[in-house]
Amino acid sequence: MTEMRFTKEADASRYTLHRGDDLVSVLDYRDDGRTVAMTRAYTIPTFRGHGYAGQVVDHAVAELERSGDRTVIPVCWYVADWFDENPARRGILADRSR
């Protein structure tokens, strides 16, 4: 099995997922110090259909949950759908009612 590697590229405001040496999925974000707006989840077309976008979102959310100092705004439709499919993880979502 090829190794999967998750990285945070803060300078580029993105999380990435690599399979071996290949970049397979990217999650772009904007961080204002209080919230992280997840703006775009993208999987390289040749790697689609393997759940890689879900993996990169899962890893990013887990990292933010561990840090405990930011909430998430799911701007990207895919990220919003991911939270719908993972209701136990919704505790990190920003309160948008204000």
N, C-alpha and C. Protein backbone atom coordinates (compact mmCIF):
# COMPACT_ATOMS: atom_id res chain seq x y z
N MET A 1 0.85 -1.19 0.00
CA MET A 1 0.00 0.00 0.00
C MET A 1 0.89 1.24 0.00
N THR A 2 0.54 2.20 -0.81
CA THR A 2 1.29 3.45 -0.90
C THR A 2 0.98 4.33 0.30
N GLU A 3 2.01 4.95 0.84
CA GLU A 3 1.86 5.79 2.03
C GLU A 3 1.09 7.06 1.71
N MET A 4 0.15 7.40 2.61
CA MET A 4 -0.61 8.64 2.51
C MET A 4 0.04 9.63 3.47
N ARG A 5 0.21 10.87 3.00
CA ARG A 5 0.86 11.90 3.82
C ARG A 5 0.03 13.17 3.79
N PHE A 6 -0.35 13.63 4.98
CA PHE A 6 -1.14 14.84 5.14
C PHE A 6 -0.21 15.96 5.60
N THR A 7 -0.31 17.14 4.99
CA THR A 7 0.52 18.27 5.40
C THR A 7 -0.32 19.54 5.46
N LYS A 8 0.13 20.46 6.30
CA LYS A 8 -0.45 21.80 6.33
C LYS A 8 0.59 22.73 5.76
N GLU A 9 0.22 23.43 4.70
CA GLU A 9 1.11 24.40 4.07
C GLU A 9 0.57 25.79 4.40
N ALA A 10 0.93 26.27 5.60
CA ALA A 10 0.39 27.54 6.10
C ALA A 10 0.71 28.71 5.17
N ASP A 11 1.90 28.71 4.58
CA ASP A 11 2.27 29.80 3.67
C ASP A 11 1.36 29.87 2.45
N ALA A 12 0.82 28.72 2.04
CA ALA A 12 -0.08 28.66 0.88
C ALA A 12 -1.55 28.60 1.30
N SER A 13 -1.81 28.62 2.62
CA SER A 13 -3.18 28.52 3.15
C SER A 13 -3.91 27.30 2.59
N ARG A 14 -3.25 26.14 2.74
CA ARG A 14 -3.89 24.92 2.27
C ARG A 14 -3.38 23.71 3.04
N TYR A 15 -4.23 22.71 3.09
CA TYR A 15 -3.87 21.39 3.57
C TYR A 15 -3.73 20.52 2.33
N THR A 16 -2.82 19.57 2.37
CA THR A 16 -2.64 18.70 1.21
C THR A 16 -2.60 17.24 1.64
N LEU A 17 -2.95 16.39 0.71
CA LEU A 17 -2.86 14.95 0.90
C LEU A 17 -2.07 14.39 -0.28
N HIS A 18 -1.01 13.66 0.04
CA HIS A 18 -0.17 13.01 -0.97
C HIS A 18 -0.28 11.51 -0.84
N ARG A 19 -0.27 10.84 -1.96
CA ARG A 19 -0.15 9.38 -2.00
C ARG A 19 1.22 9.10 -2.58
N GLY A 20 2.14 8.68 -1.73
CA GLY A 20 3.53 8.58 -2.17
C GLY A 20 4.02 9.96 -2.51
N ASP A 21 4.56 10.13 -3.70
CA ASP A 21 5.05 11.43 -4.15
C ASP A 21 3.98 12.26 -4.86
N ASP A 22 2.80 11.68 -5.09
CA ASP A 22 1.76 12.35 -5.86
C ASP A 22 0.84 13.18 -4.97
N LEU A 23 0.63 14.45 -5.33
CA LEU A 23 -0.38 15.27 -4.71
C LEU A 23 -1.73 14.78 -5.21
N VAL A 24 -2.63 14.40 -4.29
CA VAL A 24 -3.92 13.87 -4.72
C VAL A 24 -5.09 14.79 -4.38
N SER A 25 -4.98 15.55 -3.27
CA SER A 25 -6.10 16.39 -2.88
C SER A 25 -5.61 17.60 -2.09
N VAL A 26 -6.37 18.70 -2.21
CA VAL A 26 -6.01 19.97 -1.58
C VAL A 26 -7.26 20.55 -0.92
N LEU A 27 -7.07 21.16 0.25
CA LEU A 27 -8.14 21.89 0.92
C LEU A 27 -7.62 23.30 1.19
N ASP A 28 -8.16 24.27 0.47
CA ASP A 28 -7.77 25.67 0.66
C ASP A 28 -8.57 26.26 1.81
N TYR A 29 -7.94 27.21 2.51
CA TYR A 29 -8.63 27.84 3.64
C TYR A 29 -8.17 29.28 3.82
N ARG A 30 -8.96 30.02 4.61
CA ARG A 30 -8.60 31.36 5.08
C ARG A 30 -8.69 31.34 6.60
N ASP A 31 -7.64 31.75 7.28
CA ASP A 31 -7.58 31.73 8.74
C ASP A 31 -7.45 33.16 9.24
N ASP A 32 -8.44 33.62 10.03
CA ASP A 32 -8.38 34.99 10.56
C ASP A 32 -7.94 35.03 12.03
N GLY A 33 -7.49 33.90 12.54
CA GLY A 33 -7.05 33.84 13.93
C GLY A 33 -8.12 33.34 14.88
N ARG A 34 -9.36 33.39 14.45
CA ARG A 34 -10.47 32.87 15.25
C ARG A 34 -11.23 31.77 14.51
N THR A 35 -11.38 31.97 13.19
CA THR A 35 -12.10 31.00 12.38
C THR A 35 -11.25 30.59 11.17
N VAL A 36 -11.53 29.38 10.71
CA VAL A 36 -10.90 28.88 9.48
C VAL A 36 -12.03 28.64 8.49
N ALA A 37 -12.05 29.45 7.44
CA ALA A 37 -13.04 29.28 6.37
C ALA A 37 -12.45 28.30 5.37
N MET A 38 -13.06 27.14 5.26
CA MET A 38 -12.60 26.12 4.30
C MET A 38 -13.28 26.44 2.97
N THR A 39 -12.48 26.95 2.04
CA THR A 39 -13.03 27.55 0.83
C THR A 39 -13.09 26.64 -0.39
N ARG A 40 -12.23 25.61 -0.45
CA ARG A 40 -12.26 24.75 -1.64
C ARG A 40 -11.58 23.44 -1.34
N ALA A 41 -12.29 22.35 -1.57
CA ALA A 41 -11.71 21.00 -1.53
C ALA A 41 -11.60 20.55 -2.97
N TYR A 42 -10.42 20.06 -3.33
CA TYR A 42 -10.18 19.69 -4.73
C TYR A 42 -9.33 18.43 -4.78
N THR A 43 -9.75 17.51 -5.62
CA THR A 43 -8.96 16.30 -5.87
C THR A 43 -8.51 16.33 -7.33
N ILE A 44 -7.25 16.03 -7.54
CA ILE A 44 -6.69 15.96 -8.89
C ILE A 44 -7.55 14.95 -9.68
N PRO A 45 -8.01 15.31 -10.89
CA PRO A 45 -8.96 14.46 -11.61
C PRO A 45 -8.57 12.99 -11.72
N THR A 46 -7.31 12.68 -11.95
CA THR A 46 -6.92 11.27 -12.10
C THR A 46 -7.02 10.48 -10.80
N PHE A 47 -7.20 11.17 -9.66
CA PHE A 47 -7.27 10.49 -8.37
C PHE A 47 -8.68 10.54 -7.76
N ARG A 48 -9.65 11.06 -8.49
CA ARG A 48 -11.01 11.16 -7.96
C ARG A 48 -11.65 9.79 -7.78
N GLY A 49 -12.61 9.74 -6.88
CA GLY A 49 -13.36 8.51 -6.66
C GLY A 49 -12.77 7.61 -5.60
N HIS A 50 -11.78 8.07 -4.86
CA HIS A 50 -11.15 7.25 -3.83
C HIS A 50 -11.33 7.82 -2.42
N GLY A 51 -12.12 8.88 -2.28
CA GLY A 51 -12.37 9.46 -0.98
C GLY A 51 -11.27 10.37 -0.45
N TYR A 52 -10.38 10.80 -1.33
CA TYR A 52 -9.24 11.62 -0.87
C TYR A 52 -9.67 12.98 -0.35
N ALA A 53 -10.66 13.63 -0.96
CA ALA A 53 -11.11 14.93 -0.47
C ALA A 53 -11.66 14.78 0.95
N GLY A 54 -12.40 13.72 1.19
CA GLY A 54 -12.91 13.46 2.54
C GLY A 54 -11.79 13.23 3.54
N GLN A 55 -10.74 12.56 3.10
CA GLN A 55 -9.60 12.33 3.99
C GLN A 55 -8.90 13.62 4.36
N VAL A 56 -8.70 14.51 3.38
CA VAL A 56 -8.00 15.76 3.67
C VAL A 56 -8.86 16.64 4.58
N VAL A 57 -10.17 16.66 4.38
CA VAL A 57 -11.05 17.42 5.26
C VAL A 57 -11.01 16.82 6.67
N ASP A 58 -11.10 15.50 6.77
CA ASP A 58 -11.05 14.83 8.06
C ASP A 58 -9.77 15.17 8.83
N HIS A 59 -8.64 15.11 8.16
CA HIS A 59 -7.36 15.42 8.81
C HIS A 59 -7.30 16.89 9.24
N ALA A 60 -7.77 17.79 8.39
CA ALA A 60 -7.76 19.22 8.73
C ALA A 60 -8.65 19.49 9.94
N VAL A 61 -9.84 18.93 9.94
CA VAL A 61 -10.76 19.13 11.07
C VAL A 61 -10.16 18.54 12.34
N ALA A 62 -9.56 17.36 12.24
CA ALA A 62 -8.93 16.75 13.42
C ALA A 62 -7.81 17.63 13.97
N GLU A 63 -7.01 18.20 13.10
CA GLU A 63 -5.93 19.09 13.54
C GLU A 63 -6.50 20.32 14.25
N LEU A 64 -7.55 20.89 13.69
CA LEU A 64 -8.17 22.06 14.31
C LEU A 64 -8.85 21.69 15.63
N GLU A 65 -9.45 20.52 15.70
CA GLU A 65 -10.05 20.07 16.96
C GLU A 65 -8.98 19.92 18.04
N ARG A 66 -7.83 19.37 17.67
CA ARG A 66 -6.73 19.21 18.64
C ARG A 66 -6.23 20.55 19.14
N SER A 67 -6.09 21.52 18.25
CA SER A 67 -5.57 22.83 18.66
C SER A 67 -6.58 23.56 19.54
N GLY A 68 -7.86 23.40 19.26
CA GLY A 68 -8.92 23.93 20.10
C GLY A 68 -9.06 25.44 20.13
N ASP A 69 -8.39 26.16 19.24
CA ASP A 69 -8.44 27.62 19.31
C ASP A 69 -9.12 28.27 18.11
N ARG A 70 -9.74 27.46 17.23
CA ARG A 70 -10.41 28.01 16.06
C ARG A 70 -11.70 27.23 15.80
N THR A 71 -12.62 27.91 15.14
CA THR A 71 -13.82 27.23 14.65
C THR A 71 -13.78 27.24 13.13
N VAL A 72 -14.65 26.46 12.52
CA VAL A 72 -14.65 26.26 11.07
C VAL A 72 -15.91 26.85 10.44
N ILE A 73 -15.71 27.51 9.31
CA ILE A 73 -16.82 27.94 8.46
C ILE A 73 -16.69 27.16 7.15
N PRO A 74 -17.65 26.26 6.87
CA PRO A 74 -17.57 25.45 5.65
C PRO A 74 -18.10 26.22 4.43
N VAL A 75 -17.26 27.02 3.80
CA VAL A 75 -17.65 27.79 2.62
C VAL A 75 -17.86 26.86 1.42
N CYS A 76 -16.99 25.92 1.24
CA CYS A 76 -17.04 24.96 0.12
C CYS A 76 -18.21 23.99 0.32
N TRP A 77 -18.98 23.76 -0.74
CA TRP A 77 -20.11 22.83 -0.66
C TRP A 77 -19.68 21.44 -0.21
N TYR A 78 -18.51 21.00 -0.65
CA TYR A 78 -18.05 19.66 -0.29
C TYR A 78 -17.81 19.57 1.21
N VAL A 79 -17.20 20.60 1.79
CA VAL A 79 -16.92 20.61 3.22
C VAL A 79 -18.24 20.64 4.00
N ALA A 80 -19.21 21.43 3.54
CA ALA A 80 -20.52 21.48 4.18
C ALA A 80 -21.18 20.10 4.15
N ASP A 81 -21.10 19.42 3.00
CA ASP A 81 -21.66 18.06 2.89
C ASP A 81 -20.92 17.10 3.81
N TRP A 82 -19.59 17.26 3.93
CA TRP A 82 -18.80 16.40 4.81
C TRP A 82 -19.30 16.53 6.25
N PHE A 83 -19.55 17.77 6.70
CA PHE A 83 -20.08 17.96 8.05
C PHE A 83 -21.48 17.37 8.19
N ASP A 84 -22.31 17.43 7.14
CA ASP A 84 -23.63 16.79 7.18
C ASP A 84 -23.49 15.28 7.36
N GLU A 85 -22.47 14.70 6.74
CA GLU A 85 -22.25 13.26 6.82
C GLU A 85 -21.50 12.85 8.09
N ASN A 86 -20.94 13.83 8.82
CA ASN A 86 -20.18 13.56 10.04
C ASN A 86 -20.69 14.46 11.17
N PRO A 87 -21.96 14.27 11.57
CA PRO A 87 -22.57 15.17 12.53
C PRO A 87 -21.84 15.23 13.89
N ALA A 88 -21.14 14.20 14.26
CA ALA A 88 -20.42 14.20 15.53
C ALA A 88 -19.28 15.21 15.54
N ARG A 89 -18.87 15.67 14.36
CA ARG A 89 -17.75 16.60 14.25
C ARG A 89 -18.21 18.06 14.18
N ARG A 90 -19.52 18.31 14.22
CA ARG A 90 -20.07 19.66 14.05
C ARG A 90 -19.76 20.61 15.19
N GLY A 91 -19.25 20.11 16.31
CA GLY A 91 -18.94 20.95 17.45
C GLY A 91 -17.92 22.03 17.14
N ILE A 92 -17.14 21.85 16.10
CA ILE A 92 -16.10 22.82 15.73
C ILE A 92 -16.64 23.92 14.81
N LEU A 93 -17.87 23.79 14.35
CA LEU A 93 -18.41 24.79 13.42
C LEU A 93 -18.64 26.12 14.12
N ALA A 94 -18.37 27.19 13.42
CA ALA A 94 -18.60 28.55 13.94
C ALA A 94 -20.09 28.78 14.06
N ASP A 95 -20.48 29.52 15.07
CA ASP A 95 -21.88 29.91 15.24
C ASP A 95 -22.19 31.02 14.25
N ARG A 96 -22.99 30.73 13.25
CA ARG A 96 -23.29 31.69 12.19
C ARG A 96 -24.56 32.47 12.48
N SER A 97 -25.16 32.29 13.65
CA SER A 97 -26.45 32.94 13.93
C SER A 97 -26.29 34.39 14.39
N ARG A 98 -25.07 34.82 14.68
CA ARG A 98 -24.86 36.20 15.15
C ARG A 98 -24.83 37.18 14.04
